[in-house]
Amino acid sequence: MRTEFTPAQLADPDVATSARAIRSCVHCGFCTATCPTYVLTGDELEGPRGRIYLIQKMLEEDREPSAATVKHIDSCLSCLSCRTTCPSGVDYMHLIDHARAFVARRHRRPWHQRLLRAALAAILPHPPRLRAALRLARLVRPLAAPLARIEALAPLAAMLEIARRRPRPGDPAGQAPPAPAGAIKVALLRGCAESVLRPDIRAAAVRLLQRAGCEVVDVEREGCCGALTHHLGLAGSALQAARNNVDAWTAAIARSGIEAVAVTASGCGTMLKDYGFLLRDDPLYADKAARISAMAVDVSELLARLAPALAAPEPLRIAYHPPCSLQHGQAIRAEPKALLEAAGFEVVLPAEAHLCCGSAGTYNILQPAVAAQLGARKAMRLDALEADAVVTGNIGCMVQIESGVSVPVLHLVELLDWAAGGPKPDRLDHRHPGRGK
């Protein structure tokens, strides 16, 4: 595409990056076939090609975007399926991120939207606040149905619906084995929502990694990866979170000799791997951030390298749901399935495995109607496989999917930990009768 940015505009590194992305687009339309919102609506402006046109116009005009433009930018899930499909290598991820930051700076939303977004940014990245908010939300959950009927308050109903699922404690029954001599030292990101909603995932990951030959090192002052505020367009908050973590992990390298930063939430992993880009122009952090990004690995990526001994205690049929942030954001597709198959599980993928489940960070709160459609579509595809359980690698996907499927939803590490000698995930004892083979 031809662009008309001025030299002054192109002096801004973010505008220059967006201009390159826009010029790379040849309007071939391949991306529309794999874009969830285009698949649902058939609307050109609800696909990547249409959004690129709107973003180009918004950035070139350099003024407050229209409500219609904001609506179409907001409705993008940032699933990045378009990036996987694009034959021209359009950098859509950084383009949509820049567009969101531009909207956050230049567009004044209605008061209820501003309040909701401020609440999400203030609560979700902070586990103590999130725990308190979930306890409060459960008290007022009966209001979810009437709130859902009021368009402006539908996001609150979505939040209350998520809050109905009580956090699960970590699994005290399976203690982590001691790290072997000469173990690889790994920092394991604690995360935000996962540490509150499913702390048993981390417990399983620690056991599994230590059996695989790692020493899991606790890192002081580590915090939220910044993805939640980043995708809300709050660039300053996201960059501050990134700097905080770069400092924490850099100190851990010097103090403990960590060699990798492993992640069990693939949305966080995509963010960590982008720290080098996000802080590329920061003279104090550019090199350190690039180093951390190079050290960041999804837990499946690390386990595939380590090849731990695995043996399925039961011959289960597993429906694997690949998170968008893993298959599109990080281009990790084969490793999780290969690990499950190496353990002896039968693994099946649903139709439309490339399409988003509708979670997408805070999307299922901010865009509840579209998220519900995508969630129901994903649940239908997964249930059609008649598996014993659904396995995925992202807490957001787990929360989104488990309300719609009739079988347990597990994290990859929970099942692999069991196959490596750890405790059986208790959710497998509550399978729907007659599911699977």
Protein backbone atom coordinates (compact mmCIF):
# COMPACT_ATOMS: atom_id res chain seq x y z
CA MET A 1 0.00 0.00 0.00
CA ARG A 2 1.13 3.54 -0.70
CA THR A 3 1.46 5.78 2.34
CA GLU A 4 1.63 9.57 2.74
CA PHE A 5 3.30 10.07 6.08
CA THR A 6 5.30 13.28 6.44
CA PRO A 7 9.02 13.22 7.29
CA ALA A 8 8.13 14.67 10.69
CA GLN A 9 5.72 11.80 11.35
CA LEU A 10 8.23 9.20 10.23
CA ALA A 11 10.72 10.57 12.74
CA ASP A 12 8.61 8.84 15.38
CA PRO A 13 9.92 5.23 15.60
CA ASP A 14 6.41 3.83 16.20
CA VAL A 15 5.00 5.64 13.18
CA ALA A 16 7.94 4.46 11.07
CA THR A 17 7.29 0.85 12.13
CA SER A 18 3.59 1.19 11.33
CA ALA A 19 4.33 2.79 7.97
CA ARG A 20 6.55 -0.16 7.01
CA ALA A 21 3.82 -2.59 8.01
CA ILE A 22 1.19 -0.73 6.01
CA ARG A 23 3.42 -0.54 2.92
CA SER A 24 4.01 -4.30 3.15
CA CYS A 25 0.30 -5.02 2.73
CA VAL A 26 -0.63 -5.91 -0.86
CA HIS A 27 -4.37 -6.24 -0.09
CA CYS A 28 -4.40 -9.87 -1.24
CA GLY A 29 -7.14 -10.74 1.26
CA PHE A 30 -5.69 -14.05 2.44
CA CYS A 31 -5.91 -12.75 6.01
CA THR A 32 -9.67 -12.35 5.91
CA ALA A 33 -10.24 -16.10 5.68
CA THR A 34 -8.51 -16.66 9.03
CA CYS A 35 -9.66 -13.56 10.92
CA PRO A 36 -12.26 -14.52 13.57
CA THR A 37 -14.22 -11.28 13.40
CA TYR A 38 -14.35 -11.33 9.60
CA VAL A 39 -15.45 -14.98 9.66
CA LEU A 40 -18.32 -14.02 11.98
CA THR A 41 -19.43 -10.86 10.18
CA GLY A 42 -18.17 -10.87 6.59
CA ASP A 43 -17.51 -7.14 7.08
CA GLU A 44 -14.36 -5.90 5.31
CA LEU A 45 -13.67 -3.43 8.12
CA GLU A 46 -13.83 -6.30 10.62
CA GLY A 47 -10.86 -7.98 8.93
CA PRO A 48 -7.14 -7.13 8.99
CA ARG A 49 -7.14 -5.63 5.49
CA GLY A 50 -9.92 -3.20 6.39
CA ARG A 51 -8.40 -2.35 9.73
CA ILE A 52 -5.05 -1.60 8.10
CA TYR A 53 -6.81 0.94 5.84
CA LEU A 54 -8.50 2.56 8.84
CA ILE A 55 -5.28 2.66 10.85
CA GLN A 56 -3.39 4.21 7.94
CA LYS A 57 -5.95 6.97 7.60
CA MET A 58 -6.02 7.56 11.36
CA LEU A 59 -2.24 7.82 11.68
CA GLU A 60 -1.72 9.93 8.56
CA GLU A 61 -4.41 12.42 9.59
CA ASP A 62 -2.92 12.48 13.09
CA ARG A 63 -6.08 13.59 14.82
CA GLU A 64 -8.77 12.11 17.04
CA PRO A 65 -10.13 8.98 15.37
CA SER A 66 -13.81 8.58 14.69
CA ALA A 67 -16.00 6.41 16.87
CA ALA A 68 -16.40 4.00 13.92
CA THR A 69 -12.63 3.61 13.53
CA VAL A 70 -12.23 3.00 17.27
CA LYS A 71 -15.02 0.41 17.16
CA HIS A 72 -13.25 -1.64 14.48
CA ILE A 73 -9.86 -1.37 16.19
CA ASP A 74 -11.42 -2.39 19.51
CA SER A 75 -13.04 -5.44 17.94
CA CYS A 76 -9.67 -6.89 16.85
CA LEU A 77 -8.67 -9.78 19.12
CA SER A 78 -4.94 -9.45 18.42
CA CYS A 79 -5.02 -13.20 17.83
CA LEU A 80 -2.47 -12.70 15.01
CA SER A 81 -3.95 -15.45 12.86
CA CYS A 82 -3.58 -12.95 10.03
CA ARG A 83 0.15 -12.80 10.63
CA THR A 84 0.43 -16.57 10.19
CA THR A 85 -1.54 -16.39 6.95
CA CYS A 86 -0.01 -13.25 5.43
CA PRO A 87 2.31 -14.03 2.47
CA SER A 88 3.81 -10.52 2.61
CA GLY A 89 5.01 -10.61 6.21
CA VAL A 90 2.95 -7.63 7.38
CA ASP A 91 3.91 -6.75 10.96
CA TYR A 92 0.29 -6.57 12.07
CA MET A 93 1.09 -7.16 15.74
CA HIS A 94 3.04 -3.94 16.18
CA LEU A 95 0.65 -2.07 13.90
CA ILE A 96 -2.44 -2.89 15.97
CA ASP A 97 -0.51 -2.25 19.20
CA HIS A 98 0.46 1.21 17.94
CA ALA A 99 -3.12 1.88 16.85
CA ARG A 100 -4.42 1.03 20.32
CA ALA A 101 -1.89 3.32 21.98
CA PHE A 102 -2.84 6.11 19.55
CA VAL A 103 -6.54 5.63 20.36
CA ALA A 104 -5.82 5.67 24.10
CA ARG A 105 -4.05 9.02 23.71
CA ARG A 106 -6.33 10.74 21.23
CA HIS A 107 -9.85 9.40 21.73
CA ARG A 108 -12.13 10.19 24.70
CA ARG A 109 -14.31 7.19 25.42
CA PRO A 110 -17.70 7.30 27.16
CA TRP A 111 -17.39 7.46 30.94
CA HIS A 112 -18.44 3.86 31.53
CA GLN A 113 -15.79 2.56 29.14
CA ARG A 114 -13.10 4.71 30.77
CA LEU A 115 -14.11 3.45 34.22
CA LEU A 116 -14.09 -0.19 33.12
CA ARG A 117 -10.70 0.04 31.42
CA ALA A 118 -9.21 1.86 34.39
CA ALA A 119 -10.53 -0.84 36.71
CA LEU A 120 -9.09 -3.63 34.56
CA ALA A 121 -5.69 -1.93 34.45
CA ALA A 122 -5.73 -1.31 38.21
CA ILE A 123 -6.89 -4.80 39.26
CA LEU A 124 -5.89 -7.57 36.85
CA PRO A 125 -2.08 -7.13 36.90
CA HIS A 126 -2.05 -7.26 40.73
CA PRO A 127 -2.87 -10.69 42.23
CA PRO A 128 -3.88 -9.40 45.72
CA ARG A 129 -6.32 -6.93 44.15
CA LEU A 130 -7.62 -9.59 41.79
CA ARG A 131 -8.30 -11.99 44.66
CA ALA A 132 -10.21 -9.29 46.53
CA ALA A 133 -12.16 -8.34 43.41
CA LEU A 134 -13.15 -11.96 42.78
CA ARG A 135 -14.43 -12.33 46.34
CA LEU A 136 -16.50 -9.17 45.95
CA ALA A 137 -17.77 -10.20 42.53
CA ARG A 138 -19.10 -13.50 43.85
CA LEU A 139 -21.29 -11.63 46.31
CA VAL A 140 -23.02 -9.67 43.54
CA ARG A 141 -23.00 -12.39 40.87
CA PRO A 142 -26.84 -12.70 40.89
CA LEU A 143 -26.82 -9.31 39.13
CA ALA A 144 -25.01 -10.76 36.09
CA ALA A 145 -28.16 -11.65 34.13
CA PRO A 146 -29.91 -8.25 34.42
CA LEU A 147 -26.64 -6.42 33.73
CA ALA A 148 -26.10 -8.45 30.56
CA ARG A 149 -29.33 -7.01 29.12
CA ILE A 150 -27.94 -3.46 29.30
CA GLU A 151 -25.39 -2.95 26.52
CA ALA A 152 -23.20 -0.50 28.43
CA LEU A 153 -23.07 -2.83 31.44
CA ALA A 154 -22.60 -6.12 29.57
CA PRO A 155 -18.84 -6.12 30.31
CA LEU A 156 -19.62 -6.09 34.03
CA ALA A 157 -21.84 -9.13 33.54
CA ALA A 158 -18.98 -10.87 31.73
CA MET A 159 -16.67 -10.12 34.66
CA LEU A 160 -19.19 -11.54 37.14
CA GLU A 161 -19.57 -14.66 35.02
CA ILE A 162 -15.81 -15.25 35.07
CA ALA A 163 -15.83 -14.73 38.85
CA ARG A 164 -18.19 -17.66 39.39
CA ARG A 165 -15.25 -20.06 39.07
CA ARG A 166 -13.45 -20.21 42.38
CA PRO A 167 -9.65 -20.14 42.41
CA ARG A 168 -8.08 -23.53 42.99
CA PRO A 169 -5.30 -24.02 45.53
CA GLY A 170 -1.89 -25.32 44.54
CA ASP A 171 -1.57 -29.09 44.75
CA PRO A 172 0.12 -29.94 48.07
CA ALA A 173 0.01 -33.68 47.34
CA GLY A 174 2.74 -33.62 44.75
CA GLN A 175 5.97 -32.19 46.09
CA ALA A 176 8.63 -31.03 43.67
CA PRO A 177 11.66 -33.35 43.57
CA PRO A 178 15.04 -31.81 44.34
CA ALA A 179 16.88 -30.32 41.39
CA PRO A 180 19.61 -32.63 40.03
CA ALA A 181 23.27 -31.70 40.12
CA GLY A 182 24.22 -29.41 37.26
CA ALA A 183 20.59 -28.48 36.66
CA ILE A 184 19.65 -25.72 34.24
CA LYS A 185 18.56 -22.72 36.29
CA VAL A 186 15.19 -21.40 35.16
CA ALA A 187 13.02 -18.52 36.30
CA LEU A 188 9.33 -19.46 36.01
CA LEU A 189 7.07 -16.43 35.53
CA ARG A 190 4.38 -16.34 38.21
CA GLY A 191 2.02 -14.21 36.18
CA CYS A 192 -1.15 -12.46 37.34
CA ALA A 193 -4.46 -14.16 36.57
CA GLU A 194 -2.97 -17.65 36.45
CA SER A 195 -1.41 -17.32 39.89
CA VAL A 196 -4.84 -16.45 41.31
CA LEU A 197 -7.20 -18.63 39.28
CA ARG A 198 -5.08 -21.77 38.88
CA PRO A 199 -1.98 -21.81 41.11
CA ASP A 200 -1.92 -25.59 40.66
CA ILE A 201 -0.52 -24.96 37.17
CA ARG A 202 2.68 -23.51 38.60
CA ALA A 203 2.94 -26.35 41.12
CA ALA A 204 2.77 -28.87 38.27
CA ALA A 205 5.24 -26.88 36.16
CA VAL A 206 7.81 -26.75 38.96
CA ARG A 207 7.61 -30.51 39.52
CA LEU A 208 7.81 -31.24 35.82
CA LEU A 209 10.73 -28.92 35.13
CA GLN A 210 12.75 -30.25 38.06
CA ARG A 211 12.17 -33.83 36.92
CA ALA A 212 13.33 -32.70 33.46
CA GLY A 213 16.63 -31.43 34.83
CA CYS A 214 15.93 -27.83 35.83
CA GLU A 215 16.27 -25.86 39.02
CA VAL A 216 13.39 -23.40 39.30
CA VAL A 217 14.68 -20.17 40.83
CA ASP A 218 12.40 -17.69 42.62
CA VAL A 219 12.93 -14.15 41.35
CA GLU A 220 12.36 -11.17 43.63
CA ARG A 221 10.39 -8.14 42.43
CA GLU A 222 9.07 -9.91 39.34
CA GLY A 223 5.62 -8.62 38.37
CA CYS A 224 3.02 -8.58 35.63
CA CYS A 225 4.49 -8.96 32.16
CA GLY A 226 2.60 -5.86 30.97
CA ALA A 227 0.50 -7.56 28.30
CA LEU A 228 -2.85 -6.62 29.88
CA THR A 229 -2.15 -2.88 29.93
CA HIS A 230 -0.29 -3.07 26.61
CA HIS A 231 -3.38 -4.35 24.83
CA LEU A 232 -5.50 -1.69 26.51
CA GLY A 233 -3.29 0.86 24.75
CA LEU A 234 -1.63 1.98 28.00
CA ALA A 235 1.89 2.02 26.61
CA GLY A 236 3.46 3.80 29.58
CA SER A 237 2.21 1.26 32.11
CA ALA A 238 3.22 -1.66 29.90
CA LEU A 239 6.74 -0.32 29.38
CA GLN A 240 7.15 0.26 33.10
CA ALA A 241 6.14 -3.36 33.77
CA ALA A 242 8.65 -4.51 31.17
CA ARG A 243 11.45 -2.45 32.72
CA ASN A 244 10.62 -3.79 36.18
CA ASN A 245 10.88 -7.37 34.96
CA VAL A 246 14.02 -6.76 32.95
CA ASP A 247 15.62 -5.39 36.11
CA ALA A 248 14.41 -8.35 38.19
CA TRP A 249 15.62 -11.01 35.75
CA THR A 250 18.88 -9.23 35.04
CA ALA A 251 19.56 -9.24 38.78
CA ALA A 252 18.68 -12.95 38.89
CA ILE A 253 21.16 -13.65 36.10
CA ALA A 254 23.90 -12.01 38.13
CA ARG A 255 22.82 -13.51 41.45
CA SER A 256 21.62 -17.02 40.54
CA GLY A 257 22.83 -17.60 37.00
CA ILE A 258 19.39 -18.19 35.48
CA GLU A 259 19.62 -19.38 31.88
CA ALA A 260 16.00 -19.12 30.78
CA VAL A 261 12.72 -17.43 31.70
CA ALA A 262 9.98 -20.01 31.25
CA VAL A 263 6.33 -19.09 30.87
CA THR A 264 3.18 -21.17 31.37
CA ALA A 265 0.78 -18.51 30.02
CA SER A 266 1.45 -18.12 26.31
CA GLY A 267 -0.01 -14.60 26.22
CA CYS A 268 2.69 -13.55 28.67
CA GLY A 269 5.31 -15.39 26.64
CA THR A 270 4.48 -13.42 23.52
CA MET A 271 4.88 -10.21 25.50
CA LEU A 272 8.22 -11.23 27.02
CA LYS A 273 9.60 -12.14 23.62
CA ASP A 274 8.68 -8.64 22.46
CA TYR A 275 10.50 -6.77 25.25
CA GLY A 276 13.50 -6.27 22.99
CA PHE A 277 11.35 -4.52 20.41
CA LEU A 278 9.32 -2.49 22.89
CA LEU A 279 12.41 -1.11 24.63
CA ARG A 280 14.58 -0.88 21.51
CA ASP A 281 14.95 2.91 21.78
CA ASP A 282 15.58 3.02 25.52
CA PRO A 283 19.34 3.52 25.97
CA LEU A 284 19.25 2.10 29.50
CA TYR A 285 17.21 -0.99 28.68
CA ALA A 286 17.55 -1.88 25.01
CA ASP A 287 20.40 -4.39 25.40
CA LYS A 288 19.09 -5.86 28.65
CA ALA A 289 15.58 -6.23 27.22
CA ALA A 290 16.89 -7.95 24.09
CA ARG A 291 18.77 -10.39 26.32
CA ILE A 292 15.65 -11.22 28.33
CA SER A 293 13.58 -11.68 25.16
CA ALA A 294 16.17 -14.14 23.87
CA MET A 295 15.96 -16.07 27.15
CA ALA A 296 12.13 -16.24 27.22
CA VAL A 297 10.65 -19.64 26.37
CA ASP A 298 7.23 -21.16 26.51
CA VAL A 299 7.27 -24.12 28.86
CA SER A 300 6.48 -26.48 25.95
CA GLU A 301 9.43 -25.08 24.01
CA LEU A 302 11.78 -25.75 26.94
CA LEU A 303 10.39 -29.23 27.62
CA ALA A 304 10.78 -30.18 23.96
CA ARG A 305 14.49 -29.41 24.26
CA LEU A 306 14.87 -31.32 27.52
CA ALA A 307 12.87 -34.38 26.36
CA PRO A 308 11.85 -35.62 29.84
CA ALA A 309 10.83 -39.24 30.38
CA LEU A 310 7.04 -39.42 30.00
CA ALA A 311 4.58 -42.31 30.16
CA ALA A 312 0.82 -41.85 30.18
CA PRO A 313 -0.69 -43.61 33.22
CA GLU A 314 -3.96 -44.01 31.29
CA PRO A 315 -4.60 -44.13 27.51
CA LEU A 316 -6.55 -40.89 27.23
CA ARG A 317 -7.84 -39.14 24.13
CA ILE A 318 -6.80 -35.48 24.40
CA ALA A 319 -8.25 -32.58 22.43
CA TYR A 320 -5.46 -30.03 22.09
CA HIS A 321 -6.45 -26.38 21.75
CA PRO A 322 -3.49 -24.31 20.49
CA PRO A 323 -3.63 -20.81 22.00
CA CYS A 324 -3.41 -18.01 19.46
CA SER A 325 -0.57 -16.37 21.37
CA LEU A 326 1.38 -19.61 21.02
CA GLN A 327 0.64 -20.75 17.46
CA HIS A 328 0.44 -17.28 15.89
CA GLY A 329 2.22 -15.01 18.36
CA GLN A 330 5.24 -17.27 18.92
CA ALA A 331 4.97 -19.70 15.96
CA ILE A 332 5.07 -22.66 18.38
CA ARG A 333 2.80 -25.33 16.94
CA ALA A 334 4.37 -28.78 16.95
CA GLU A 335 5.95 -28.95 20.42
CA PRO A 336 2.88 -29.28 22.69
CA LYS A 337 1.28 -31.95 20.52
CA ALA A 338 4.57 -33.84 20.18
CA LEU A 339 5.08 -33.85 23.96
CA LEU A 340 1.59 -35.25 24.55
CA GLU A 341 2.09 -37.93 21.92
CA ALA A 342 5.52 -38.80 23.31
CA ALA A 343 3.83 -39.44 26.64
CA GLY A 344 1.47 -41.91 24.96
CA PHE A 345 -1.72 -39.86 24.80
CA GLU A 346 -3.86 -39.85 21.68
CA VAL A 347 -4.00 -36.23 20.50
CA VAL A 348 -6.64 -34.71 18.25
CA LEU A 349 -7.05 -31.14 17.04
CA PRO A 350 -10.41 -29.47 16.48
CA ALA A 351 -11.61 -28.11 13.18
CA GLU A 352 -10.75 -24.40 12.84
CA ALA A 353 -7.87 -24.86 15.29
CA HIS A 354 -6.42 -21.59 13.97
CA LEU A 355 -9.43 -19.54 15.12
CA CYS A 356 -9.44 -17.74 18.47
CA CYS A 357 -11.60 -18.98 21.35
CA GLY A 358 -12.56 -15.39 22.19
CA SER A 359 -10.57 -14.93 25.39
CA ALA A 360 -7.75 -12.72 24.08
CA GLY A 361 -6.68 -11.14 27.37
CA THR A 362 -9.49 -8.80 28.41
CA TYR A 363 -11.42 -9.20 25.14
CA ASN A 364 -14.05 -11.49 26.68
CA ILE A 365 -14.82 -8.67 29.13
CA LEU A 366 -14.61 -5.70 26.78
CA GLN A 367 -16.31 -7.43 23.81
CA PRO A 368 -18.54 -10.03 25.52
CA ALA A 369 -20.95 -10.63 22.64
CA VAL A 370 -18.29 -11.48 20.06
CA ALA A 371 -16.28 -13.43 22.63
CA ALA A 372 -19.36 -15.51 23.49
CA GLN A 373 -19.91 -16.38 19.83
CA LEU A 374 -16.30 -17.44 19.37
CA GLY A 375 -16.31 -19.35 22.66
CA ALA A 376 -19.42 -21.30 21.73
CA ARG A 377 -17.98 -22.06 18.29
CA LYS A 378 -14.73 -23.32 19.83
CA ALA A 379 -16.55 -25.41 22.46
CA MET A 380 -18.68 -27.04 19.78
CA ARG A 381 -15.58 -27.98 17.76
CA LEU A 382 -13.84 -29.40 20.83
CA ASP A 383 -16.84 -31.38 22.07
CA ALA A 384 -17.22 -32.91 18.62
CA LEU A 385 -13.89 -34.71 19.16
CA GLU A 386 -15.33 -36.78 22.03
CA ALA A 387 -12.10 -36.53 23.99
CA ASP A 388 -11.45 -37.29 27.65
CA ALA A 389 -10.05 -33.82 28.28
CA VAL A 390 -9.09 -30.57 26.59
CA VAL A 391 -5.49 -29.42 26.99
CA THR A 392 -4.15 -25.96 26.23
CA GLY A 393 -1.33 -23.65 27.30
CA ASN A 394 -2.89 -20.35 28.35
CA ILE A 395 -5.01 -19.45 31.38
CA GLY A 396 -7.26 -17.14 29.37
CA CYS A 397 -8.16 -19.94 26.98
CA MET A 398 -8.82 -22.28 29.90
CA VAL A 399 -11.28 -19.88 31.54
CA GLN A 400 -13.01 -19.19 28.23
CA ILE A 401 -13.32 -22.81 27.14
CA GLU A 402 -14.18 -24.61 30.37
CA SER A 403 -17.61 -22.99 30.67
CA GLY A 404 -18.65 -24.40 27.29
CA VAL A 405 -17.21 -27.92 27.04
CA SER A 406 -18.39 -31.06 28.81
CA VAL A 407 -14.93 -32.44 29.69
CA PRO A 408 -12.13 -31.19 31.98
CA VAL A 409 -9.86 -28.43 30.70
CA LEU A 410 -6.23 -28.84 31.76
CA HIS A 411 -2.99 -27.04 31.22
CA LEU A 412 -0.35 -28.92 29.26
CA VAL A 413 1.98 -29.11 32.26
CA GLU A 414 -0.69 -30.69 34.48
CA LEU A 415 -1.04 -33.66 32.16
CA LEU A 416 2.68 -33.97 31.46
CA ASP A 417 3.48 -33.73 35.17
CA TRP A 418 1.20 -36.73 35.75
CA ALA A 419 2.92 -38.58 32.90
CA ALA A 420 6.29 -37.80 34.49
CA GLY A 421 5.36 -39.28 37.87
CA GLY A 422 3.43 -36.44 39.49
CA PRO A 423 -0.10 -36.57 40.91
CA LYS A 424 -3.12 -37.18 38.72
CA PRO A 425 -5.01 -33.93 37.98
CA ASP A 426 -8.11 -34.22 40.13
CA ARG A 427 -10.29 -32.83 37.36
CA LEU A 428 -9.75 -36.05 35.44
CA ASP A 429 -11.66 -37.86 38.18
CA HIS A 430 -14.74 -35.80 37.32
CA ARG A 431 -15.01 -36.57 33.64
CA HIS A 432 -18.41 -36.70 32.00
CA PRO A 433 -19.45 -40.38 31.74
CA GLY A 434 -19.21 -41.78 28.26
CA ARG A 435 -16.77 -39.21 26.89
CA GLY A 436 -13.76 -40.34 24.92
CA LYS A 437 -13.26 -43.78 23.45
